[in-house]
Amino acid sequence: TRILRLMGLEKDLNQGGKVDSFRRFIYVHGTNHEQN
């Protein structure tokens, strides 16, 4: 349905290196399993 793509703003927590939310493709999105 829709995607809100997220970018982490906290260096070394969710931004950069092996913790980068953007490069991990972290989104807010719809699901086909609404029962969950």
PDB file of all heavy atoms in Angstrom:
ATOM      1  N   THR A   1       0.788  -1.240   0.000  1.00  0.00           N
ATOM      2  CA  THR A   1       0.000   0.000   0.000  1.00  0.00           C
ATOM      3  C   THR A   1       0.819   1.289   0.000  1.00  0.00           C
ATOM      4  O   THR A   1       0.668   2.097  -0.895  1.00  0.00           O
ATOM      5  CB  THR A   1      -1.048  -0.002   1.127  1.00  0.00           C
ATOM      6  OG1 THR A   1      -1.842  -1.185   0.993  1.00  0.00           O
ATOM      7  CG2 THR A   1      -1.953   1.197   1.067  1.00  0.00           C
ATOM      8  N   ARG A   2       1.632   1.540   1.002  1.00  0.00           N
ATOM      9  CA  ARG A   2       2.459   2.749   1.096  1.00  0.00           C
ATOM     10  C   ARG A   2       3.738   2.409   1.857  1.00  0.00           C
ATOM     11  O   ARG A   2       3.751   1.505   2.700  1.00  0.00           O
ATOM     12  CB  ARG A   2       1.760   3.885   1.852  1.00  0.00           C
ATOM     13  CG  ARG A   2       0.447   4.348   1.279  1.00  0.00           C
ATOM     14  CD  ARG A   2       0.615   5.159  -0.001  1.00  0.00           C
ATOM     15  NE  ARG A   2      -0.653   5.663  -0.470  1.00  0.00           N
ATOM     16  CZ  ARG A   2      -1.525   4.986  -1.222  1.00  0.00           C
ATOM     17  NH1 ARG A   2      -1.269   3.739  -1.601  1.00  0.00           N
ATOM     18  NH2 ARG A   2      -2.667   5.538  -1.610  1.00  0.00           N
ATOM     19  N   ILE A   3       4.784   3.213   1.591  1.00  0.00           N
ATOM     20  CA  ILE A   3       6.056   3.074   2.304  1.00  0.00           C
ATOM     21  C   ILE A   3       6.480   4.451   2.798  1.00  0.00           C
ATOM     22  O   ILE A   3       6.508   5.416   2.029  1.00  0.00           O
ATOM     23  CB  ILE A   3       7.167   2.524   1.384  1.00  0.00           C
ATOM     24  CG1 ILE A   3       6.818   1.115   0.869  1.00  0.00           C
ATOM     25  CG2 ILE A   3       8.521   2.514   2.101  1.00  0.00           C
ATOM     26  CD1 ILE A   3       7.746   0.608  -0.221  1.00  0.00           C
ATOM     27  N   LEU A   4       6.820   4.525   4.079  1.00  0.00           N
ATOM     28  CA  LEU A   4       7.516   5.681   4.639  1.00  0.00           C
ATOM     29  C   LEU A   4       8.923   5.179   4.949  1.00  0.00           C
ATOM     30  O   LEU A   4       9.116   4.370   5.869  1.00  0.00           O
ATOM     31  CB  LEU A   4       6.844   6.175   5.921  1.00  0.00           C
ATOM     32  CG  LEU A   4       5.404   6.652   5.793  1.00  0.00           C
ATOM     33  CD1 LEU A   4       4.817   6.963   7.158  1.00  0.00           C
ATOM     34  CD2 LEU A   4       5.315   7.869   4.906  1.00  0.00           C
ATOM     35  N   ARG A   5       9.886   5.597   4.152  1.00  0.00           N
ATOM     36  CA  ARG A   5      11.257   5.125   4.349  1.00  0.00           C
ATOM     37  C   ARG A   5      11.925   5.953   5.432  1.00  0.00           C
ATOM     38  O   ARG A   5      11.742   7.179   5.495  1.00  0.00           O
ATOM     39  CB  ARG A   5      12.060   5.226   3.047  1.00  0.00           C
ATOM     40  CG  ARG A   5      13.414   4.549   3.174  1.00  0.00           C
ATOM     41  CD  ARG A   5      14.099   4.345   1.875  1.00  0.00           C
ATOM     42  NE  ARG A   5      15.326   3.588   2.067  1.00  0.00           N
ATOM     43  CZ  ARG A   5      16.209   3.401   1.124  1.00  0.00           C
ATOM     44  NH1 ARG A   5      16.019   3.898  -0.086  1.00  0.00           N
ATOM     45  NH2 ARG A   5      17.301   2.708   1.367  1.00  0.00           N
ATOM     46  N   LEU A   6      12.712   5.289   6.268  1.00  0.00           N
ATOM     47  CA  LEU A   6      13.316   5.932   7.426  1.00  0.00           C
ATOM     48  C   LEU A   6      14.830   6.046   7.292  1.00  0.00           C
ATOM     49  O   LEU A   6      15.492   5.144   6.777  1.00  0.00           O
ATOM     50  CB  LEU A   6      12.978   5.145   8.697  1.00  0.00           C
ATOM     51  CG  LEU A   6      11.495   4.942   8.964  1.00  0.00           C
ATOM     52  CD1 LEU A   6      11.300   4.069  10.196  1.00  0.00           C
ATOM     53  CD2 LEU A   6      10.787   6.281   9.124  1.00  0.00           C
ATOM     54  N   MET A   7      15.333   7.152   7.810  1.00  0.00           N
ATOM     55  CA  MET A   7      16.763   7.382   7.894  1.00  0.00           C
ATOM     56  C   MET A   7      17.097   7.630   9.364  1.00  0.00           C
ATOM     57  O   MET A   7      16.503   8.500  10.011  1.00  0.00           O
ATOM     58  CB  MET A   7      17.141   8.614   7.056  1.00  0.00           C
ATOM     59  CG  MET A   7      18.606   8.974   7.132  1.00  0.00           C
ATOM     60  SD  MET A   7      19.039  10.351   6.020  1.00  0.00           S
ATOM     61  CE  MET A   7      18.032  11.676   6.672  1.00  0.00           C
ATOM     62  N   GLY A   8      18.024   6.838   9.893  1.00  0.00           N
ATOM     63  CA  GLY A   8      18.457   7.034  11.271  1.00  0.00           C
ATOM     64  C   GLY A   8      19.191   8.356  11.424  1.00  0.00           C
ATOM     65  O   GLY A   8      19.913   8.786  10.516  1.00  0.00           O
ATOM     66  N   LEU A   9      19.007   8.990  12.567  1.00  0.00           N
ATOM     67  CA  LEU A   9      19.639  10.287  12.827  1.00  0.00           C
ATOM     68  C   LEU A   9      20.685  10.233  13.936  1.00  0.00           C
ATOM     69  O   LEU A   9      21.276  11.255  14.264  1.00  0.00           O
ATOM     70  CB  LEU A   9      18.567  11.328  13.186  1.00  0.00           C
ATOM     71  CG  LEU A   9      17.569  11.657  12.078  1.00  0.00           C
ATOM     72  CD1 LEU A   9      16.495  12.605  12.598  1.00  0.00           C
ATOM     73  CD2 LEU A   9      18.267  12.238  10.860  1.00  0.00           C
ATOM     74  N   GLU A  10      20.889   9.041  14.512  1.00  0.00           N
ATOM     75  CA  GLU A  10      21.823   8.921  15.631  1.00  0.00           C
ATOM     76  C   GLU A  10      23.046   8.118  15.194  1.00  0.00           C
ATOM     77  O   GLU A  10      22.983   6.891  15.063  1.00  0.00           O
ATOM     78  CB  GLU A  10      21.140   8.273  16.830  1.00  0.00           C
ATOM     79  CG  GLU A  10      20.010   9.117  17.374  1.00  0.00           C
ATOM     80  CD  GLU A  10      19.437   8.575  18.661  1.00  0.00           C
ATOM     81  OE1 GLU A  10      20.216   8.433  19.637  1.00  0.00           O
ATOM     82  OE2 GLU A  10      18.225   8.285  18.691  1.00  0.00           O
ATOM     83  N   LYS A  11      24.150   8.846  14.981  1.00  0.00           N
ATOM     84  CA  LYS A  11      25.391   8.220  14.522  1.00  0.00           C
ATOM     85  C   LYS A  11      25.796   7.091  15.473  1.00  0.00           C
ATOM     86  O   LYS A  11      25.740   7.232  16.686  1.00  0.00           O
ATOM     87  CB  LYS A  11      26.501   9.272  14.446  1.00  0.00           C
ATOM     88  CG  LYS A  11      27.777   8.790  13.807  1.00  0.00           C
ATOM     89  CD  LYS A  11      28.712   9.951  13.556  1.00  0.00           C
ATOM     90  CE  LYS A  11      30.073   9.572  13.062  1.00  0.00           C
ATOM     91  NZ  LYS A  11      30.244   8.402  12.298  1.00  0.00           N
ATOM     92  N   ASP A  12      26.156   5.976  14.887  1.00  0.00           N
ATOM     93  CA  ASP A  12      26.605   4.765  15.590  1.00  0.00           C
ATOM     94  C   ASP A  12      25.501   4.042  16.359  1.00  0.00           C
ATOM     95  O   ASP A  12      25.760   3.033  17.004  1.00  0.00           O
ATOM     96  CB  ASP A  12      27.794   5.044  16.519  1.00  0.00           C
ATOM     97  CG  ASP A  12      29.004   5.553  15.752  1.00  0.00           C
ATOM     98  OD1 ASP A  12      29.216   5.119  14.601  1.00  0.00           O
ATOM     99  OD2 ASP A  12      29.736   6.408  16.308  1.00  0.00           O
ATOM    100  N   LEU A  13      24.282   4.551  16.311  1.00  0.00           N
ATOM    101  CA  LEU A  13      23.141   3.828  16.885  1.00  0.00           C
ATOM    102  C   LEU A  13      22.260   3.307  15.749  1.00  0.00           C
ATOM    103  O   LEU A  13      21.979   2.114  15.670  1.00  0.00           O
ATOM    104  CB  LEU A  13      22.316   4.712  17.831  1.00  0.00           C
ATOM    105  CG  LEU A  13      21.062   4.021  18.384  1.00  0.00           C
ATOM    106  CD1 LEU A  13      21.455   2.912  19.357  1.00  0.00           C
ATOM    107  CD2 LEU A  13      20.134   5.013  19.048  1.00  0.00           C
ATOM    108  N   ASN A  14      21.805   4.219  14.877  1.00  0.00           N
ATOM    109  CA  ASN A  14      20.965   3.822  13.737  1.00  0.00           C
ATOM    110  C   ASN A  14      21.407   4.513  12.443  1.00  0.00           C
ATOM    111  O   ASN A  14      20.690   4.525  11.468  1.00  0.00           O
ATOM    112  CB  ASN A  14      19.489   4.088  14.026  1.00  0.00           C
ATOM    113  CG  ASN A  14      19.206   5.530  14.399  1.00  0.00           C
ATOM    114  OD1 ASN A  14      19.865   6.459  13.935  1.00  0.00           O
ATOM    115  ND2 ASN A  14      18.214   5.733  15.243  1.00  0.00           N
ATOM    116  N   GLN A  15      22.604   5.084  12.461  1.00  0.00           N
ATOM    117  CA  GLN A  15      23.149   5.778  11.295  1.00  0.00           C
ATOM    118  C   GLN A  15      24.624   5.421  11.138  1.00  0.00           C
ATOM    119  O   GLN A  15      25.392   5.520  12.098  1.00  0.00           O
ATOM    120  CB  GLN A  15      23.011   7.286  11.464  1.00  0.00           C
ATOM    121  CG  GLN A  15      23.532   8.093  10.289  1.00  0.00           C
ATOM    122  CD  GLN A  15      23.587   9.565  10.628  1.00  0.00           C
ATOM    123  OE1 GLN A  15      24.471  10.002  11.362  1.00  0.00           O
ATOM    124  NE2 GLN A  15      22.638  10.325  10.108  1.00  0.00           N
ATOM    125  N   GLY A  16      24.984   4.974   9.944  1.00  0.00           N
ATOM    126  CA  GLY A  16      26.381   4.673   9.634  1.00  0.00           C
ATOM    127  C   GLY A  16      26.763   3.229   9.920  1.00  0.00           C
ATOM    128  O   GLY A  16      26.087   2.515  10.660  1.00  0.00           O
ATOM    129  N   GLY A  17      27.834   2.813   9.293  1.00  0.00           N
ATOM    130  CA  GLY A  17      28.402   1.488   9.531  1.00  0.00           C
ATOM    131  C   GLY A  17      27.397   0.360   9.434  1.00  0.00           C
ATOM    132  O   GLY A  17      26.580   0.311   8.522  1.00  0.00           O
ATOM    133  N   LYS A  18      27.438  -0.531  10.408  1.00  0.00           N
ATOM    134  CA  LYS A  18      26.578  -1.727  10.409  1.00  0.00           C
ATOM    135  C   LYS A  18      25.259  -1.514  11.147  1.00  0.00           C
ATOM    136  O   LYS A  18      24.570  -2.473  11.479  1.00  0.00           O
ATOM    137  CB  LYS A  18      27.337  -2.901  11.032  1.00  0.00           C
ATOM    138  CG  LYS A  18      28.524  -3.317  10.205  1.00  0.00           C
ATOM    139  CD  LYS A  18      29.218  -4.521  10.794  1.00  0.00           C
ATOM    140  CE  LYS A  18      30.407  -4.867   9.929  1.00  0.00           C
ATOM    141  NZ  LYS A  18      30.412  -6.245   9.540  1.00  0.00           N
ATOM    142  N   VAL A  19      24.922  -0.250  11.404  1.00  0.00           N
ATOM    143  CA  VAL A  19      23.678   0.062  12.125  1.00  0.00           C
ATOM    144  C   VAL A  19      22.798   1.047  11.358  1.00  0.00           C
ATOM    145  O   VAL A  19      21.923   1.672  11.948  1.00  0.00           O
ATOM    146  CB  VAL A  19      23.967   0.604  13.546  1.00  0.00           C
ATOM    147  CG1 VAL A  19      24.635  -0.434  14.418  1.00  0.00           C
ATOM    148  CG2 VAL A  19      24.810   1.882  13.487  1.00  0.00           C
ATOM    149  N   ASP A  20      22.997   1.174  10.055  1.00  0.00           N
ATOM    150  CA  ASP A  20      22.337   2.212   9.281  1.00  0.00           C
ATOM    151  C   ASP A  20      20.910   1.807   8.872  1.00  0.00           C
ATOM    152  O   ASP A  20      20.725   0.934   8.021  1.00  0.00           O
ATOM    153  CB  ASP A  20      23.164   2.524   8.035  1.00  0.00           C
ATOM    154  CG  ASP A  20      22.784   3.860   7.454  1.00  0.00           C
ATOM    155  OD1 ASP A  20      21.738   3.937   6.787  1.00  0.00           O
ATOM    156  OD2 ASP A  20      23.528   4.826   7.677  1.00  0.00           O
ATOM    157  N   SER A  21      19.907   2.434   9.474  1.00  0.00           N
ATOM    158  CA  SER A  21      18.503   2.112   9.187  1.00  0.00           C
ATOM    159  C   SER A  21      18.151   2.330   7.721  1.00  0.00           C
ATOM    160  O   SER A  21      17.376   1.564   7.146  1.00  0.00           O
ATOM    161  CB  SER A  21      17.561   2.956  10.055  1.00  0.00           C
ATOM    162  OG  SER A  21      17.682   2.600  11.412  1.00  0.00           O
ATOM    163  N   PHE A  22      18.709   3.363   7.106  1.00  0.00           N
ATOM    164  CA  PHE A  22      18.418   3.640   5.695  1.00  0.00           C
ATOM    165  C   PHE A  22      18.938   2.504   4.818  1.00  0.00           C
ATOM    166  O   PHE A  22      18.212   1.980   3.977  1.00  0.00           O
ATOM    167  CB  PHE A  22      19.036   4.982   5.284  1.00  0.00           C
ATOM    168  CG  PHE A  22      18.716   5.391   3.881  1.00  0.00           C
ATOM    169  CD1 PHE A  22      17.511   6.000   3.582  1.00  0.00           C
ATOM    170  CD2 PHE A  22      19.622   5.168   2.852  1.00  0.00           C
ATOM    171  CE1 PHE A  22      17.201   6.387   2.275  1.00  0.00           C
ATOM    172  CE2 PHE A  22      19.332   5.548   1.552  1.00  0.00           C
ATOM    173  CZ  PHE A  22      18.120   6.158   1.262  1.00  0.00           C
ATOM    174  N   ARG A  23      20.176   2.113   5.022  1.00  0.00           N
ATOM    175  CA  ARG A  23      20.763   1.024   4.219  1.00  0.00           C
ATOM    176  C   ARG A  23      20.151  -0.327   4.547  1.00  0.00           C
ATOM    177  O   ARG A  23      20.214  -1.250   3.743  1.00  0.00           O
ATOM    178  CB  ARG A  23      22.275   0.982   4.400  1.00  0.00           C
ATOM    179  CG  ARG A  23      22.966   2.124   3.675  1.00  0.00           C
ATOM    180  CD  ARG A  23      24.434   1.880   3.432  1.00  0.00           C
ATOM    181  NE  ARG A  23      25.134   1.223   4.508  1.00  0.00           N
ATOM    182  CZ  ARG A  23      26.031   1.804   5.292  1.00  0.00           C
ATOM    183  NH1 ARG A  23      26.352   3.061   5.119  1.00  0.00           N
ATOM    184  NH2 ARG A  23      26.619   1.122   6.244  1.00  0.00           N
ATOM    185  N   ARG A  24      19.543  -0.441   5.722  1.00  0.00           N
ATOM    186  CA  ARG A  24      18.835  -1.679   6.093  1.00  0.00           C
ATOM    187  C   ARG A  24      17.431  -1.717   5.489  1.00  0.00           C
ATOM    188  O   ARG A  24      16.727  -2.697   5.639  1.00  0.00           O
ATOM    189  CB  ARG A  24      18.718  -1.793   7.627  1.00  0.00           C
ATOM    190  CG  ARG A  24      20.021  -2.113   8.324  1.00  0.00           C
ATOM    191  CD  ARG A  24      19.811  -2.234   9.822  1.00  0.00           C
ATOM    192  NE  ARG A  24      18.881  -3.321  10.126  1.00  0.00           N
ATOM    193  CZ  ARG A  24      18.180  -3.406  11.253  1.00  0.00           C
ATOM    194  NH1 ARG A  24      18.293  -2.484  12.190  1.00  0.00           N
ATOM    195  NH2 ARG A  24      17.363  -4.415  11.443  1.00  0.00           N
ATOM    196  N   PHE A  25      17.005  -0.633   4.853  1.00  0.00           N
ATOM    197  CA  PHE A  25      15.668  -0.534   4.256  1.00  0.00           C
ATOM    198  C   PHE A  25      14.572  -0.700   5.321  1.00  0.00           C
ATOM    199  O   PHE A  25      13.660  -1.498   5.173  1.00  0.00           O
ATOM    200  CB  PHE A  25      15.493  -1.547   3.118  1.00  0.00           C
ATOM    201  CG  PHE A  25      16.527  -1.407   2.040  1.00  0.00           C
ATOM    202  CD1 PHE A  25      17.574  -2.308   1.933  1.00  0.00           C
ATOM    203  CD2 PHE A  25      16.466  -0.336   1.163  1.00  0.00           C
ATOM    204  CE1 PHE A  25      18.541  -2.157   0.949  1.00  0.00           C
ATOM    205  CE2 PHE A  25      17.435  -0.175   0.168  1.00  0.00           C
ATOM    206  CZ  PHE A  25      18.478  -1.093   0.070  1.00  0.00           C
ATOM    207  N   ILE A  26      14.694   0.091   6.378  1.00  0.00           N
ATOM    208  CA  ILE A  26      13.686   0.102   7.437  1.00  0.00           C
ATOM    209  C   ILE A  26      12.585   1.085   7.036  1.00  0.00           C
ATOM    210  O   ILE A  26      12.862   2.241   6.715  1.00  0.00           O
ATOM    211  CB  ILE A  26      14.304   0.499   8.795  1.00  0.00           C
ATOM    212  CG1 ILE A  26      15.397  -0.499   9.205  1.00  0.00           C
ATOM    213  CG2 ILE A  26      13.228   0.619   9.868  1.00  0.00           C
ATOM    214  CD1 ILE A  26      14.919  -1.931   9.446  1.00  0.00           C
ATOM    215  N   TYR A  27      11.348   0.593   7.056  1.00  0.00           N
ATOM    216  CA  TYR A  27      10.190   1.374   6.629  1.00  0.00           C
ATOM    217  C   TYR A  27       9.062   1.291   7.662  1.00  0.00           C
ATOM    218  O   TYR A  27       9.019   0.386   8.488  1.00  0.00           O
ATOM    219  CB  TYR A  27       9.562   0.809   5.342  1.00  0.00           C
ATOM    220  CG  TYR A  27      10.447   0.435   4.208  1.00  0.00           C
ATOM    221  CD1 TYR A  27      10.198  -0.730   3.487  1.00  0.00           C
ATOM    222  CD2 TYR A  27      11.501   1.240   3.802  1.00  0.00           C
ATOM    223  CE1 TYR A  27      10.966  -1.090   2.394  1.00  0.00           C
ATOM    224  CE2 TYR A  27      12.284   0.885   2.700  1.00  0.00           C
ATOM    225  CZ  TYR A  27      12.017  -0.278   2.010  1.00  0.00           C
ATOM    226  OH  TYR A  27      12.778  -0.627   0.926  1.00  0.00           O
ATOM    227  N   VAL A  28       8.091   2.181   7.488  1.00  0.00           N
ATOM    228  CA  VAL A  28       6.734   1.991   7.984  1.00  0.00           C
ATOM    229  C   VAL A  28       5.947   1.640   6.727  1.00  0.00           C
ATOM    230  O   VAL A  28       6.031   2.363   5.724  1.00  0.00           O
ATOM    231  CB  VAL A  28       6.167   3.272   8.631  1.00  0.00           C
ATOM    232  CG1 VAL A  28       4.728   3.040   9.076  1.00  0.00           C
ATOM    233  CG2 VAL A  28       7.034   3.739   9.795  1.00  0.00           C
ATOM    234  N   HIS A  29       5.220   0.521   6.745  1.00  0.00           N
ATOM    235  CA  HIS A  29       4.502   0.095   5.540  1.00  0.00           C
ATOM    236  C   HIS A  29       3.283  -0.739   5.891  1.00  0.00           C
ATOM    237  O   HIS A  29       3.134  -1.207   7.021  1.00  0.00           O
ATOM    238  CB  HIS A  29       5.432  -0.670   4.590  1.00  0.00           C
ATOM    239  CG  HIS A  29       5.958  -1.976   5.110  1.00  0.00           C
ATOM    240  ND1 HIS A  29       5.228  -3.141   5.090  1.00  0.00           N
ATOM    241  CD2 HIS A  29       7.156  -2.288   5.640  1.00  0.00           C
ATOM    242  CE1 HIS A  29       5.959  -4.122   5.589  1.00  0.00           C
ATOM    243  NE2 HIS A  29       7.131  -3.637   5.945  1.00  0.00           N
ATOM    244  N   GLY A  30       2.430  -0.948   4.898  1.00  0.00           N
ATOM    245  CA  GLY A  30       1.276  -1.824   5.058  1.00  0.00           C
ATOM    246  C   GLY A  30       1.700  -3.280   4.991  1.00  0.00           C
ATOM    247  O   GLY A  30       2.821  -3.605   4.578  1.00  0.00           O
ATOM    248  N   THR A  31       0.772  -4.154   5.395  1.00  0.00           N
ATOM    249  CA  THR A  31       1.067  -5.590   5.411  1.00  0.00           C
ATOM    250  C   THR A  31      -0.114  -6.391   4.882  1.00  0.00           C
ATOM    251  O   THR A  31      -1.262  -5.974   5.014  1.00  0.00           O
ATOM    252  CB  THR A  31       1.423  -6.074   6.837  1.00  0.00           C
ATOM    253  OG1 THR A  31       1.684  -7.476   6.808  1.00  0.00           O
ATOM    254  CG2 THR A  31       0.293  -5.794   7.829  1.00  0.00           C
ATOM    255  N   ASN A  32       0.186  -7.544   4.341  1.00  0.00           N
ATOM    256  CA  ASN A  32      -0.859  -8.477   3.919  1.00  0.00           C
ATOM    257  C   ASN A  32      -1.252  -9.411   5.059  1.00  0.00           C
ATOM    258  O   ASN A  32      -2.093 -10.289   4.874  1.00  0.00           O
ATOM    259  CB  ASN A  32      -0.399  -9.293   2.704  1.00  0.00           C
ATOM    260  CG  ASN A  32       0.871 -10.075   2.953  1.00  0.00           C
ATOM    261  OD1 ASN A  32       1.830  -9.554   3.528  1.00  0.00           O
ATOM    262  ND2 ASN A  32       0.906 -11.312   2.522  1.00  0.00           N
ATOM    263  N   HIS A  33      -0.669  -9.236   6.236  1.00  0.00           N
ATOM    264  CA  HIS A  33      -0.989 -10.054   7.405  1.00  0.00           C
ATOM    265  C   HIS A  33      -1.492  -9.171   8.548  1.00  0.00           C
ATOM    266  O   HIS A  33      -0.928  -9.158   9.646  1.00  0.00           O
ATOM    267  CB  HIS A  33       0.237 -10.862   7.843  1.00  0.00           C
ATOM    268  CG  HIS A  33       0.662 -11.883   6.836  1.00  0.00           C
ATOM    269  ND1 HIS A  33      -0.058 -13.019   6.588  1.00  0.00           N
ATOM    270  CD2 HIS A  33       1.719 -11.910   5.991  1.00  0.00           C
ATOM    271  CE1 HIS A  33       0.539 -13.727   5.642  1.00  0.00           C
ATOM    272  NE2 HIS A  33       1.626 -13.066   5.254  1.00  0.00           N
ATOM    273  N   GLU A  34      -2.584  -8.457   8.290  1.00  0.00           N
ATOM    274  CA  GLU A  34      -3.122  -7.526   9.285  1.00  0.00           C
ATOM    275  C   GLU A  34      -3.550  -8.220  10.571  1.00  0.00           C
ATOM    276  O   GLU A  34      -3.599  -7.596  11.625  1.00  0.00           O
ATOM    277  CB  GLU A  34      -4.291  -6.739   8.693  1.00  0.00           C
ATOM    278  CG  GLU A  34      -3.854  -5.782   7.600  1.00  0.00           C
ATOM    279  CD  GLU A  34      -4.997  -4.973   7.024  1.00  0.00           C
ATOM    280  OE1 GLU A  34      -6.182  -5.290   7.278  1.00  0.00           O
ATOM    281  OE2 GLU A  34      -4.703  -4.003   6.298  1.00  0.00           O
ATOM    282  N   GLN A  35      -3.844  -9.515  10.501  1.00  0.00           N
ATOM    283  CA  GLN A  35      -4.251 -10.260  11.692  1.00  0.00           C
ATOM    284  C   GLN A  35      -3.122 -10.322  12.731  1.00  0.00           C
ATOM    285  O   GLN A  35      -3.378 -10.597  13.903  1.00  0.00           O
ATOM    286  CB  GLN A  35      -4.722 -11.682  11.324  1.00  0.00           C
ATOM    287  CG  GLN A  35      -3.633 -12.639  10.876  1.00  0.00           C
ATOM    288  CD  GLN A  35      -3.225 -12.519   9.403  1.00  0.00           C
ATOM    289  OE1 GLN A  35      -3.651 -11.602   8.700  1.00  0.00           O
ATOM    290  NE2 GLN A  35      -2.401 -13.440   8.934  1.00  0.00           N
ATOM    291  N   ASN A  36      -1.883 -10.032  12.331  1.00  0.00           N
ATOM    292  CA  ASN A  36      -0.749 -10.077  13.261  1.00  0.00           C
ATOM    293  C   ASN A  36      -0.450  -8.731  13.916  1.00  0.00           C
ATOM    294  O   ASN A  36       0.443  -8.648  14.760  1.00  0.00           O
ATOM    295  CB  ASN A  36       0.507 -10.571  12.536  1.00  0.00           C
ATOM    296  CG  ASN A  36       0.395 -12.017  12.131  1.00  0.00           C
ATOM    297  OD1 ASN A  36      -0.260 -12.818  12.797  1.00  0.00           O
ATOM    298  ND2 ASN A  36       1.020 -12.368  11.023  1.00  0.00           N
TER     299      ASN A  36
END
